Every structure is written in C-alpha cells, then in structure tokens.
Amino acid sequence: MSMARGLNHPLLQRSRSVGIVLLTLLSLGLVTRPIEAPAWEIVKAGQPEMNLEAIEGSLGQGLVIGVLGGFRAVMADFLWIRTNTIWERRDRVKLDAMVRLVTTLDPRPDFFWINGARMIAYDVPNWRIREEGGYAEVSEYRQLAIDLEQAQQAFVMLARAREFHPENAKLYLETGQIYLNRLKDNVNAAQWFLSASQQPDAPYYAARIYGELLRREGKDVEAYAYLKQLFQQLPNDPYAQKPIILDRIKELEDHLEIPVWQRFVPVHGPLPEPSMERTEHPLERVHEHHSCDGHTH
C-alpha cells in the first residue's frame, strides 16, 4: 500500500510527465533530422536576398523549427521579439533579414508586414543619414536618394503582403502614407488612398484623405465632384463624419464661386446630431504640417 502511494506521489508523477515530454521531443528531433537540412535549404533558396547567414549564428539551428507546420506562428512571434532587439541596436542588415524571415514564416498577421515596412521606410533612412554625417551634412539630393531606396524596399514588402491579404485596406493605406509622409509625393499617395477606400474593410477617412489630396494638388473641380458623390454614398453613421465632408464641399463651392442655385443640396436624410464629436484623421487637413516619423512596433 505504501509503495502504491509512493508511486502516486505528485513529484514522481510530475517527473514522469516531464520524462515523457522530453522523450517525445527527442523522438521528434530524430524523425525530422533527415528533412531538416533540405527544408532549410529550400527556404534559403527561395529567399536568396535574405542573407540569413548573418543571423543563423546568433539564433542557432532552432530556426529550422519555424518551417515545420504549426511551429511557424510560435517561431515567428519569437523572432519578432528578436527583431525589436535588432531594431533597437539599429543593425539595418540584420533587421532587413529578420523582417523578411518573420513574414516568410508567418505571413498571416498584417502587424508583421506593416511594422516591418515602417521600420524600413522611416527608421532605416534616418540611421543611414546619421551614419553619413547627419541631416546638416548630407545633401538633400542624397537624403532623397536614401528615402527612395528604402521606400522602394518597403513597397516591395507591402506588395508581397497584398498577395496574402488582397483586400486589407491597411496595407494600401500604409503604402499611401509612405508616399505622402516620407516621399512627399501627393500624386501617388492619392491613388493609394483611393485604392484603400475601395476595400471592404476601408476606414471612412481613407476616402476623405483622397479628396483632400486632390485639393492639395489644385484639382478643386475634381475634388468637388468626388466629395459630393462620396457624401451621397456614405451612410448616416457618426463615424462617417458626413458633416466634415459637407463643410469641405461648401469651402470648395466658395473657392470655385459656384452659383447659389447650382450648389450641393443633400438628399439622403438628416445628418447626425450637430453635438456629436467630430474627429478627423491627422493626415486630412491640407494646410497642416504632416509627419509620421513615429510608429509602434
């Protein structure tokens, strides 16, 4: 009886459980070893630009677990933590490789794609310019060249992301914001905000920003026509901010000197109560300074 109680002691039961887990992992390692190296070579062959050799030494062979079925998501999360450490060290070579690796292992979270693109498009140019002497020493021509180079890398990443998430408005918005905030390219930015507004999950502000960018480029007639159409299409939802759109329509009517009898008259029911909070996206105001150097990882 005492022997039976001894065998059922919690400590012995826990030890047996740990032993079973270790034995299972060891067996799995032995079974997967023959396919481990070929699988790893396939991944590297498919991503020759990743320069994975730069990170293999620090991360070890445990990296290969990321290509094995259900381990992908777990390994990608772990490597993203590592990516933030590399980002803090401003190691742009390893950062580029790691971001590519994480999105290869688990392309499902848009978080990886978007924040990786932001690091590449916003942070890396700042690091490179500082490495070359800082903004006071590096010519504007050289700064622009660096910005363009890094933005193109981010665009390639976001294009790849859209292959996995073709209707994700955030990926279109991110491309538009890089054009707008980093490259100061209103024309290309406008087209990406328009594309974002056409996605099923598009936020209401995407269309409003497109209208503002038309105004910024002096396309007031086009902006006027677009905003009138947008106003009629939007639901009477407080989040749609239809009063803001109506104000901009009136501003354009004054600027374009539209005759009173030709001015826009809403036909789709009453607007939300005037007392409701009116919120605008930071990018919407044409005459404000726009900056997006800060972002979260």
C-alpha atoms as a PDB file:
ATOM      1  CA  MET A   1       0.000   0.000   0.000  1.00  0.00           C
ATOM      2  CA  SER A   2       2.783   2.409   0.905  1.00  0.00           C
ATOM      3  CA  MET A   3       4.594   1.513  -2.320  1.00  0.00           C
ATOM      4  CA  ALA A   4       1.460   2.380  -4.323  1.00  0.00           C
ATOM      5  CA  ARG A   5       1.198   5.717  -2.522  1.00  0.00           C
ATOM      6  CA  GLY A   6       4.860   6.358  -3.268  1.00  0.00           C
ATOM      7  CA  LEU A   7       4.341   5.726  -6.978  1.00  0.00           C
ATOM      8  CA  ASN A   8       1.439   8.160  -6.991  1.00  0.00           C
ATOM      9  CA  HIS A   9       3.371  10.880  -5.225  1.00  0.00           C
ATOM     10  CA  PRO A  10       2.861  14.235  -7.123  1.00  0.00           C
ATOM     11  CA  LEU A  11       6.613  14.722  -7.510  1.00  0.00           C
ATOM     12  CA  LEU A  12       7.038  11.317  -9.165  1.00  0.00           C
ATOM     13  CA  GLN A  13       4.030  11.917 -11.404  1.00  0.00           C
ATOM     14  CA  ARG A  14       5.456  15.265 -12.497  1.00  0.00           C
ATOM     15  CA  SER A  15       8.842  13.678 -13.163  1.00  0.00           C
ATOM     16  CA  ARG A  16       7.214  11.004 -15.319  1.00  0.00           C
ATOM     17  CA  SER A  17       5.321  13.692 -17.285  1.00  0.00           C
ATOM     18  CA  VAL A  18       8.496  15.672 -17.906  1.00  0.00           C
ATOM     19  CA  GLY A  19      10.287  12.495 -18.974  1.00  0.00           C
ATOM     20  CA  ILE A  20       7.542  11.652 -21.458  1.00  0.00           C
ATOM     21  CA  VAL A  21       7.665  15.150 -22.955  1.00  0.00           C
ATOM     22  CA  LEU A  22      11.451  15.060 -23.290  1.00  0.00           C
ATOM     23  CA  LEU A  23      11.321  11.602 -24.867  1.00  0.00           C
ATOM     24  CA  THR A  24       8.682  12.804 -27.333  1.00  0.00           C
ATOM     25  CA  LEU A  25      10.734  15.856 -28.307  1.00  0.00           C
ATOM     26  CA  LEU A  26      13.837  13.717 -28.710  1.00  0.00           C
ATOM     27  CA  SER A  27      11.953  11.302 -30.932  1.00  0.00           C
ATOM     28  CA  LEU A  28      10.571  14.174 -32.987  1.00  0.00           C
ATOM     29  CA  GLY A  29      14.046  15.563 -33.420  1.00  0.00           C
ATOM     30  CA  LEU A  30      15.368  12.221 -34.635  1.00  0.00           C
ATOM     31  CA  VAL A  31      12.466  11.799 -37.058  1.00  0.00           C
ATOM     32  CA  THR A  32      12.715  15.309 -38.520  1.00  0.00           C
ATOM     33  CA  ARG A  33      16.512  15.442 -38.722  1.00  0.00           C
ATOM     34  CA  PRO A  34      16.644  13.854 -42.226  1.00  0.00           C
ATOM     35  CA  ILE A  35      14.288  16.551 -43.611  1.00  0.00           C
ATOM     36  CA  GLU A  36      15.612  19.444 -41.528  1.00  0.00           C
ATOM     37  CA  ALA A  37      18.563  20.387 -43.727  1.00  0.00           C
ATOM     38  CA  PRO A  38      16.732  20.039 -47.088  1.00  0.00           C
ATOM     39  CA  ALA A  39      13.807  22.097 -45.778  1.00  0.00           C
ATOM     40  CA  TRP A  40      16.136  24.817 -44.569  1.00  0.00           C
ATOM     41  CA  GLU A  41      17.934  24.892 -47.916  1.00  0.00           C
ATOM     42  CA  ILE A  42      14.603  25.272 -49.719  1.00  0.00           C
ATOM     43  CA  VAL A  43      13.690  28.288 -47.604  1.00  0.00           C
ATOM     44  CA  LYS A  44      17.058  29.928 -48.202  1.00  0.00           C
ATOM     45  CA  ALA A  45      16.923  29.178 -51.921  1.00  0.00           C
ATOM     46  CA  GLY A  46      13.522  30.830 -52.159  1.00  0.00           C
ATOM     47  CA  GLN A  47      14.787  33.932 -50.358  1.00  0.00           C
ATOM     48  CA  PRO A  48      18.365  34.459 -51.579  1.00  0.00           C
ATOM     49  CA  GLU A  49      18.282  38.137 -50.684  1.00  0.00           C
ATOM     50  CA  MET A  50      17.601  37.448 -47.021  1.00  0.00           C
ATOM     51  CA  ASN A  51      21.265  36.943 -46.112  1.00  0.00           C
ATOM     52  CA  LEU A  52      20.229  34.527 -43.374  1.00  0.00           C
ATOM     53  CA  GLU A  53      23.816  33.584 -42.651  1.00  0.00           C
ATOM     54  CA  ALA A  54      24.092  36.867 -40.765  1.00  0.00           C
ATOM     55  CA  ILE A  55      21.579  35.688 -38.189  1.00  0.00           C
ATOM     56  CA  GLU A  56      21.939  31.922 -38.152  1.00  0.00           C
ATOM     57  CA  GLY A  57      24.937  32.111 -35.855  1.00  0.00           C
ATOM     58  CA  SER A  58      23.143  34.127 -33.211  1.00  0.00           C
ATOM     59  CA  LEU A  59      19.859  32.241 -33.350  1.00  0.00           C
ATOM     60  CA  GLY A  60      21.155  28.690 -33.786  1.00  0.00           C
ATOM     61  CA  GLN A  61      19.690  25.759 -35.632  1.00  0.00           C
ATOM     62  CA  GLY A  62      16.425  26.109 -33.718  1.00  0.00           C
ATOM     63  CA  LEU A  63      15.486  28.438 -36.560  1.00  0.00           C
ATOM     64  CA  VAL A  64      14.513  25.482 -38.707  1.00  0.00           C
ATOM     65  CA  ILE A  65      11.599  24.674 -36.429  1.00  0.00           C
ATOM     66  CA  GLY A  66       9.868  27.679 -37.965  1.00  0.00           C
ATOM     67  CA  VAL A  67       9.359  25.854 -41.258  1.00  0.00           C
ATOM     68  CA  LEU A  68       7.644  22.864 -39.687  1.00  0.00           C
ATOM     69  CA  GLY A  69       3.876  23.145 -39.719  1.00  0.00           C
ATOM     70  CA  GLY A  70       2.278  24.515 -36.579  1.00  0.00           C
ATOM     71  CA  PHE A  71       5.598  25.785 -35.213  1.00  0.00           C
ATOM     72  CA  ARG A  72       5.600  28.648 -37.738  1.00  0.00           C
ATOM     73  CA  ALA A  73       3.418  31.059 -35.755  1.00  0.00           C
ATOM     74  CA  VAL A  74       5.234  30.433 -32.481  1.00  0.00           C
ATOM     75  CA  MET A  75       8.652  30.862 -34.058  1.00  0.00           C
ATOM     76  CA  ALA A  76       7.551  33.992 -35.922  1.00  0.00           C
ATOM     77  CA  ASP A  77       6.382  35.581 -32.662  1.00  0.00           C
ATOM     78  CA  PHE A  78       9.677  34.689 -31.009  1.00  0.00           C
ATOM     79  CA  LEU A  79      11.690  36.104 -33.896  1.00  0.00           C
ATOM     80  CA  TRP A  80       9.656  39.318 -33.871  1.00  0.00           C
ATOM     81  CA  ILE A  81      10.825  39.912 -30.315  1.00  0.00           C
ATOM     82  CA  ARG A  82      14.357  39.362 -31.580  1.00  0.00           C
ATOM     83  CA  THR A  83      13.630  41.790 -34.434  1.00  0.00           C
ATOM     84  CA  ASN A  84      12.816  44.545 -31.969  1.00  0.00           C
ATOM     85  CA  THR A  85      16.131  43.959 -30.214  1.00  0.00           C
ATOM     86  CA  ILE A  86      17.934  44.304 -33.549  1.00  0.00           C
ATOM     87  CA  TRP A  87      15.887  47.434 -34.313  1.00  0.00           C
ATOM     88  CA  GLU A  88      16.954  48.979 -31.011  1.00  0.00           C
ATOM     89  CA  ARG A  89      20.583  48.314 -31.964  1.00  0.00           C
ATOM     90  CA  ARG A  90      19.999  49.951 -35.366  1.00  0.00           C
ATOM     91  CA  ASP A  91      21.519  46.997 -37.191  1.00  0.00           C
ATOM     92  CA  ARG A  92      19.861  47.518 -40.563  1.00  0.00           C
ATOM     93  CA  VAL A  93      21.415  44.499 -42.279  1.00  0.00           C
ATOM     94  CA  LYS A  94      20.094  42.056 -39.704  1.00  0.00           C
ATOM     95  CA  LEU A  95      16.846  43.986 -39.421  1.00  0.00           C
ATOM     96  CA  ASP A  96      16.100  43.566 -43.124  1.00  0.00           C
ATOM     97  CA  ALA A  97      16.886  39.857 -42.980  1.00  0.00           C
ATOM     98  CA  MET A  98      14.831  39.301 -39.854  1.00  0.00           C
ATOM     99  CA  VAL A  99      11.747  41.144 -41.091  1.00  0.00           C
ATOM    100  CA  ARG A 100      11.812  39.076 -44.268  1.00  0.00           C
ATOM    101  CA  LEU A 101      12.232  35.909 -42.262  1.00  0.00           C
ATOM    102  CA  VAL A 102       9.352  36.639 -39.887  1.00  0.00           C
ATOM    103  CA  THR A 103       6.936  37.432 -42.724  1.00  0.00           C
ATOM    104  CA  THR A 104       8.068  34.316 -44.580  1.00  0.00           C
ATOM    105  CA  LEU A 105       7.465  32.088 -41.577  1.00  0.00           C
ATOM    106  CA  ASP A 106       4.029  33.507 -40.814  1.00  0.00           C
ATOM    107  CA  PRO A 107       2.550  35.860 -43.429  1.00  0.00           C
ATOM    108  CA  ARG A 108      -0.892  35.903 -41.797  1.00  0.00           C
ATOM    109  CA  PRO A 109      -0.572  38.796 -39.271  1.00  0.00           C
ATOM    110  CA  ASP A 110      -0.642  42.155 -41.065  1.00  0.00           C
ATOM    111  CA  PHE A 111       1.146  43.506 -37.972  1.00  0.00           C
ATOM    112  CA  PHE A 112       4.449  41.984 -39.129  1.00  0.00           C
ATOM    113  CA  TRP A 113       4.146  43.397 -42.646  1.00  0.00           C
ATOM    114  CA  ILE A 114       3.049  46.887 -41.634  1.00  0.00           C
ATOM    115  CA  ASN A 115       5.533  47.428 -38.816  1.00  0.00           C
ATOM    116  CA  GLY A 116       8.332  45.861 -40.822  1.00  0.00           C
ATOM    117  CA  ALA A 117       7.592  48.264 -43.686  1.00  0.00           C
ATOM    118  CA  ARG A 118       7.590  51.193 -41.272  1.00  0.00           C
ATOM    119  CA  MET A 119      10.980  50.253 -39.878  1.00  0.00           C
ATOM    120  CA  ILE A 120      12.419  50.020 -43.387  1.00  0.00           C
ATOM    121  CA  ALA A 121      10.773  53.160 -44.779  1.00  0.00           C
ATOM    122  CA  TYR A 122      11.092  55.523 -41.812  1.00  0.00           C
ATOM    123  CA  ASP A 123      13.760  54.343 -39.374  1.00  0.00           C
ATOM    124  CA  VAL A 124      16.444  52.938 -41.654  1.00  0.00           C
ATOM    125  CA  PRO A 125      16.734  56.142 -43.756  1.00  0.00           C
ATOM    126  CA  ASN A 126      17.301  58.130 -40.563  1.00  0.00           C
ATOM    127  CA  TRP A 127      20.005  55.686 -39.469  1.00  0.00           C
ATOM    128  CA  ARG A 128      21.753  55.823 -42.854  1.00  0.00           C
ATOM    129  CA  ILE A 129      21.705  59.613 -42.997  1.00  0.00           C
ATOM    130  CA  ARG A 130      23.147  59.827 -39.490  1.00  0.00           C
ATOM    131  CA  GLU A 131      25.831  57.305 -40.434  1.00  0.00           C
ATOM    132  CA  GLU A 132      26.832  59.583 -43.330  1.00  0.00           C
ATOM    133  CA  GLY A 133      27.148  62.659 -41.119  1.00  0.00           C
ATOM    134  CA  GLY A 134      23.626  63.726 -40.228  1.00  0.00           C
ATOM    135  CA  TYR A 135      20.969  65.879 -41.858  1.00  0.00           C
ATOM    136  CA  ALA A 136      23.105  69.011 -41.675  1.00  0.00           C
ATOM    137  CA  GLU A 137      25.954  67.399 -43.615  1.00  0.00           C
ATOM    138  CA  VAL A 138      24.175  65.091 -46.082  1.00  0.00           C
ATOM    139  CA  SER A 139      22.852  66.860 -49.175  1.00  0.00           C
ATOM    140  CA  GLU A 140      19.122  66.932 -49.850  1.00  0.00           C
ATOM    141  CA  TYR A 141      19.767  65.034 -53.080  1.00  0.00           C
ATOM    142  CA  ARG A 142      21.464  62.226 -51.158  1.00  0.00           C
ATOM    143  CA  GLN A 143      18.757  62.227 -48.491  1.00  0.00           C
ATOM    144  CA  LEU A 144      16.109  61.851 -51.179  1.00  0.00           C
ATOM    145  CA  ALA A 145      18.051  59.011 -52.798  1.00  0.00           C
ATOM    146  CA  ILE A 146      18.181  57.152 -49.477  1.00  0.00           C
ATOM    147  CA  ASP A 147      14.494  57.783 -48.829  1.00  0.00           C
ATOM    148  CA  LEU A 148      13.579  56.476 -52.285  1.00  0.00           C
ATOM    149  CA  GLU A 149      15.728  53.375 -51.897  1.00  0.00           C
ATOM    150  CA  GLN A 150      14.255  52.460 -48.535  1.00  0.00           C
ATOM    151  CA  ALA A 151      10.710  53.314 -49.602  1.00  0.00           C
ATOM    152  CA  GLN A 152      11.029  51.001 -52.589  1.00  0.00           C
ATOM    153  CA  GLN A 153      12.061  48.177 -50.269  1.00  0.00           C
ATOM    154  CA  ALA A 154       9.011  48.859 -48.120  1.00  0.00           C
ATOM    155  CA  PHE A 155       6.786  48.948 -51.208  1.00  0.00           C
ATOM    156  CA  VAL A 156       8.066  45.535 -52.288  1.00  0.00           C
ATOM    157  CA  MET A 157       7.273  44.171 -48.834  1.00  0.00           C
ATOM    158  CA  LEU A 158       3.769  45.640 -48.850  1.00  0.00           C
ATOM    159  CA  ALA A 159       3.146  44.328 -52.365  1.00  0.00           C
ATOM    160  CA  ARG A 160       4.096  40.883 -51.130  1.00  0.00           C
ATOM    161  CA  ALA A 161       1.755  41.357 -48.168  1.00  0.00           C
ATOM    162  CA  ARG A 162      -1.130  42.137 -50.516  1.00  0.00           C
ATOM    163  CA  GLU A 163      -0.601  38.782 -52.192  1.00  0.00           C
ATOM    164  CA  PHE A 164      -1.664  37.223 -48.897  1.00  0.00           C
ATOM    165  CA  HIS A 165      -4.174  39.936 -47.933  1.00  0.00           C
ATOM    166  CA  PRO A 166      -5.513  41.405 -51.203  1.00  0.00           C
ATOM    167  CA  GLU A 167      -8.468  43.187 -49.560  1.00  0.00           C
ATOM    168  CA  ASN A 168      -6.752  44.513 -46.452  1.00  0.00           C
ATOM    169  CA  ALA A 169      -7.169  48.295 -46.582  1.00  0.00           C
ATOM    170  CA  LYS A 170      -4.383  48.872 -44.035  1.00  0.00           C
ATOM    171  CA  LEU A 171      -1.777  47.616 -46.491  1.00  0.00           C
ATOM    172  CA  TYR A 172      -2.934  50.086 -49.167  1.00  0.00           C
ATOM    173  CA  LEU A 173      -3.032  52.874 -46.590  1.00  0.00           C
ATOM    174  CA  GLU A 174       0.495  52.103 -45.459  1.00  0.00           C
ATOM    175  CA  THR A 175       1.813  52.439 -48.995  1.00  0.00           C
ATOM    176  CA  GLY A 176      -0.066  55.717 -49.403  1.00  0.00           C
ATOM    177  CA  GLN A 177       1.289  57.098 -46.152  1.00  0.00           C
ATOM    178  CA  ILE A 178       4.883  56.296 -47.116  1.00  0.00           C
ATOM    179  CA  TYR A 179       4.384  58.192 -50.384  1.00  0.00           C
ATOM    180  CA  LEU A 180       2.786  61.071 -48.510  1.00  0.00           C
ATOM    181  CA  ASN A 181       4.906  61.330 -45.368  1.00  0.00           C
ATOM    182  CA  ARG A 182       8.340  60.129 -46.403  1.00  0.00           C
ATOM    183  CA  LEU A 183       8.483  60.943 -50.122  1.00  0.00           C
ATOM    184  CA  LYS A 184       6.117  63.965 -50.130  1.00  0.00           C
ATOM    185  CA  ASP A 185       4.531  62.512 -53.260  1.00  0.00           C
ATOM    186  CA  ASN A 186       0.893  63.596 -53.149  1.00  0.00           C
ATOM    187  CA  VAL A 187       0.001  62.218 -56.574  1.00  0.00           C
ATOM    188  CA  ASN A 188       0.978  58.621 -55.869  1.00  0.00           C
ATOM    189  CA  ALA A 189      -0.279  58.884 -52.300  1.00  0.00           C
ATOM    190  CA  ALA A 190      -3.720  59.917 -53.562  1.00  0.00           C
ATOM    191  CA  GLN A 191      -4.039  56.833 -55.759  1.00  0.00           C
ATOM    192  CA  TRP A 192      -3.209  54.533 -52.858  1.00  0.00           C
ATOM    193  CA  PHE A 193      -5.698  56.222 -50.552  1.00  0.00           C
ATOM    194  CA  LEU A 194      -8.305  55.839 -53.269  1.00  0.00           C
ATOM    195  CA  SER A 195      -7.460  52.137 -53.598  1.00  0.00           C
ATOM    196  CA  ALA A 196      -7.651  51.765 -49.823  1.00  0.00           C
ATOM    197  CA  SER A 197     -11.087  53.385 -49.768  1.00  0.00           C
ATOM    198  CA  GLN A 198     -12.332  50.756 -52.220  1.00  0.00           C
ATOM    199  CA  GLN A 199     -11.505  47.786 -49.987  1.00  0.00           C
ATOM    200  CA  PRO A 200     -14.249  46.074 -47.948  1.00  0.00           C
ATOM    201  CA  ASP A 201     -12.693  46.966 -44.588  1.00  0.00           C
ATOM    202  CA  ALA A 202     -11.712  50.529 -45.522  1.00  0.00           C
ATOM    203  CA  PRO A 203     -11.961  53.170 -42.786  1.00  0.00           C
ATOM    204  CA  TYR A 204     -14.092  56.162 -43.701  1.00  0.00           C
ATOM    205  CA  TYR A 205     -11.144  58.545 -43.511  1.00  0.00           C
ATOM    206  CA  ALA A 206      -9.380  56.922 -46.486  1.00  0.00           C
ATOM    207  CA  ALA A 207     -11.844  58.467 -48.933  1.00  0.00           C
ATOM    208  CA  ARG A 208     -11.766  61.827 -47.160  1.00  0.00           C
ATOM    209  CA  ILE A 209      -7.974  61.952 -47.395  1.00  0.00           C
ATOM    210  CA  TYR A 210      -8.175  61.189 -51.112  1.00  0.00           C
ATOM    211  CA  GLY A 211     -10.443  64.216 -51.515  1.00  0.00           C
ATOM    212  CA  GLU A 212      -8.030  66.381 -49.522  1.00  0.00           C
ATOM    213  CA  LEU A 213      -5.080  65.266 -51.642  1.00  0.00           C
ATOM    214  CA  LEU A 214      -6.975  66.264 -54.776  1.00  0.00           C
ATOM    215  CA  ARG A 215      -7.369  69.716 -53.237  1.00  0.00           C
ATOM    216  CA  ARG A 216      -3.704  69.819 -52.288  1.00  0.00           C
ATOM    217  CA  GLU A 217      -2.779  69.223 -55.919  1.00  0.00           C
ATOM    218  CA  GLY A 218      -5.068  72.012 -57.060  1.00  0.00           C
ATOM    219  CA  LYS A 219      -7.662  69.645 -58.533  1.00  0.00           C
ATOM    220  CA  ASP A 220     -10.533  71.507 -56.908  1.00  0.00           C
ATOM    221  CA  VAL A 221     -13.120  70.716 -59.566  1.00  0.00           C
ATOM    222  CA  GLU A 222     -12.312  67.008 -59.346  1.00  0.00           C
ATOM    223  CA  ALA A 223     -12.323  67.145 -55.545  1.00  0.00           C
ATOM    224  CA  TYR A 224     -15.700  68.910 -55.550  1.00  0.00           C
ATOM    225  CA  ALA A 225     -17.284  66.251 -57.763  1.00  0.00           C
ATOM    226  CA  TYR A 226     -15.735  63.432 -55.743  1.00  0.00           C
ATOM    227  CA  LEU A 227     -16.804  64.771 -52.342  1.00  0.00           C
ATOM    228  CA  LYS A 228     -20.381  65.311 -53.495  1.00  0.00           C
ATOM    229  CA  GLN A 229     -20.553  61.723 -54.696  1.00  0.00           C
ATOM    230  CA  LEU A 230     -18.883  60.470 -51.510  1.00  0.00           C
ATOM    231  CA  PHE A 231     -21.370  62.344 -49.335  1.00  0.00           C
ATOM    232  CA  GLN A 232     -24.299  60.683 -51.071  1.00  0.00           C
ATOM    233  CA  GLN A 233     -22.742  57.210 -50.852  1.00  0.00           C
ATOM    234  CA  LEU A 234     -21.879  57.261 -47.161  1.00  0.00           C
ATOM    235  CA  PRO A 235     -24.369  56.087 -44.531  1.00  0.00           C
ATOM    236  CA  ASN A 236     -25.647  58.447 -41.855  1.00  0.00           C
ATOM    237  CA  ASP A 237     -23.178  56.923 -39.438  1.00  0.00           C
ATOM    238  CA  PRO A 238     -21.452  59.247 -36.942  1.00  0.00           C
ATOM    239  CA  TYR A 239     -18.124  57.594 -37.809  1.00  0.00           C
ATOM    240  CA  ALA A 240     -18.569  58.550 -41.478  1.00  0.00           C
ATOM    241  CA  GLN A 241     -18.223  62.219 -40.437  1.00  0.00           C
ATOM    242  CA  LYS A 242     -20.556  63.494 -43.134  1.00  0.00           C
ATOM    243  CA  PRO A 243     -20.712  66.999 -41.583  1.00  0.00           C
ATOM    244  CA  ILE A 244     -16.960  67.331 -42.213  1.00  0.00           C
ATOM    245  CA  ILE A 245     -17.422  66.369 -45.850  1.00  0.00           C
ATOM    246  CA  LEU A 246     -20.295  68.829 -46.220  1.00  0.00           C
ATOM    247  CA  ASP A 247     -18.118  71.613 -44.795  1.00  0.00           C
ATOM    248  CA  ARG A 248     -15.439  70.859 -47.369  1.00  0.00           C
ATOM    249  CA  ILE A 249     -17.979  70.847 -50.151  1.00  0.00           C
ATOM    250  CA  LYS A 250     -19.105  74.311 -49.061  1.00  0.00           C
ATOM    251  CA  GLU A 251     -15.487  75.521 -48.887  1.00  0.00           C
ATOM    252  CA  LEU A 252     -14.934  74.350 -52.449  1.00  0.00           C
ATOM    253  CA  GLU A 253     -18.151  75.982 -53.611  1.00  0.00           C
ATOM    254  CA  ASP A 254     -16.952  79.289 -52.213  1.00  0.00           C
ATOM    255  CA  HIS A 255     -13.497  78.842 -53.727  1.00  0.00           C
ATOM    256  CA  LEU A 256     -14.873  77.816 -57.122  1.00  0.00           C
ATOM    257  CA  GLU A 257     -17.559  80.521 -56.934  1.00  0.00           C
ATOM    258  CA  ILE A 258     -20.347  78.073 -57.644  1.00  0.00           C
ATOM    259  CA  PRO A 259     -23.656  79.942 -58.171  1.00  0.00           C
ATOM    260  CA  VAL A 260     -26.114  79.569 -55.326  1.00  0.00           C
ATOM    261  CA  TRP A 261     -28.676  77.772 -57.481  1.00  0.00           C
ATOM    262  CA  GLN A 262     -26.063  75.173 -58.508  1.00  0.00           C
ATOM    263  CA  ARG A 263     -24.750  74.399 -55.061  1.00  0.00           C
ATOM    264  CA  PHE A 264     -24.950  70.974 -53.495  1.00  0.00           C
ATOM    265  CA  VAL A 265     -28.117  70.034 -51.633  1.00  0.00           C
ATOM    266  CA  PRO A 266     -28.002  66.781 -49.593  1.00  0.00           C
ATOM    267  CA  VAL A 267     -30.853  64.395 -50.364  1.00  0.00           C
ATOM    268  CA  HIS A 268     -30.112  61.395 -48.148  1.00  0.00           C
ATOM    269  CA  GLY A 269     -31.904  62.213 -44.918  1.00  0.00           C
ATOM    270  CA  PRO A 270     -30.814  64.233 -41.881  1.00  0.00           C
ATOM    271  CA  LEU A 271     -27.227  64.364 -40.729  1.00  0.00           C
ATOM    272  CA  PRO A 272     -26.185  63.083 -37.298  1.00  0.00           C
ATOM    273  CA  GLU A 273     -26.808  65.434 -34.393  1.00  0.00           C
ATOM    274  CA  PRO A 274     -24.504  68.507 -34.504  1.00  0.00           C
ATOM    275  CA  SER A 275     -23.467  67.852 -30.895  1.00  0.00           C
ATOM    276  CA  MET A 276     -21.703  64.629 -31.856  1.00  0.00           C
ATOM    277  CA  GLU A 277     -17.928  64.692 -31.613  1.00  0.00           C
ATOM    278  CA  ARG A 278     -16.269  65.414 -34.955  1.00  0.00           C
ATOM    279  CA  THR A 279     -12.965  63.648 -35.359  1.00  0.00           C
ATOM    280  CA  GLU A 280     -10.589  63.902 -38.268  1.00  0.00           C
ATOM    281  CA  HIS A 281      -7.592  61.819 -39.213  1.00  0.00           C
ATOM    282  CA  PRO A 282      -4.261  63.664 -38.682  1.00  0.00           C
ATOM    283  CA  LEU A 283      -3.496  63.479 -42.405  1.00  0.00           C
ATOM    284  CA  GLU A 284      -6.700  65.151 -43.537  1.00  0.00           C
ATOM    285  CA  ARG A 285      -6.066  68.850 -43.178  1.00  0.00           C
ATOM    286  CA  VAL A 286      -4.485  70.246 -46.310  1.00  0.00           C
ATOM    287  CA  HIS A 287      -2.733  73.174 -44.699  1.00  0.00           C
ATOM    288  CA  GLU A 288      -1.233  71.360 -41.743  1.00  0.00           C
ATOM    289  CA  HIS A 289       2.316  70.029 -41.460  1.00  0.00           C
ATOM    290  CA  HIS A 290       2.384  66.250 -41.887  1.00  0.00           C
ATOM    291  CA  SER A 291       4.892  63.986 -40.209  1.00  0.00           C
ATOM    292  CA  CYS A 292       4.890  60.254 -39.488  1.00  0.00           C
ATOM    293  CA  ASP A 293       8.326  59.564 -38.098  1.00  0.00           C
ATOM    294  CA  GLY A 294       6.912  57.899 -35.016  1.00  0.00           C
ATOM    295  CA  HIS A 295       5.298  54.465 -35.063  1.00  0.00           C
ATOM    296  CA  THR A 296       4.749  51.464 -32.907  1.00  0.00           C
ATOM    297  CA  HIS A 297       6.251  48.045 -33.243  1.00  0.00           C
END
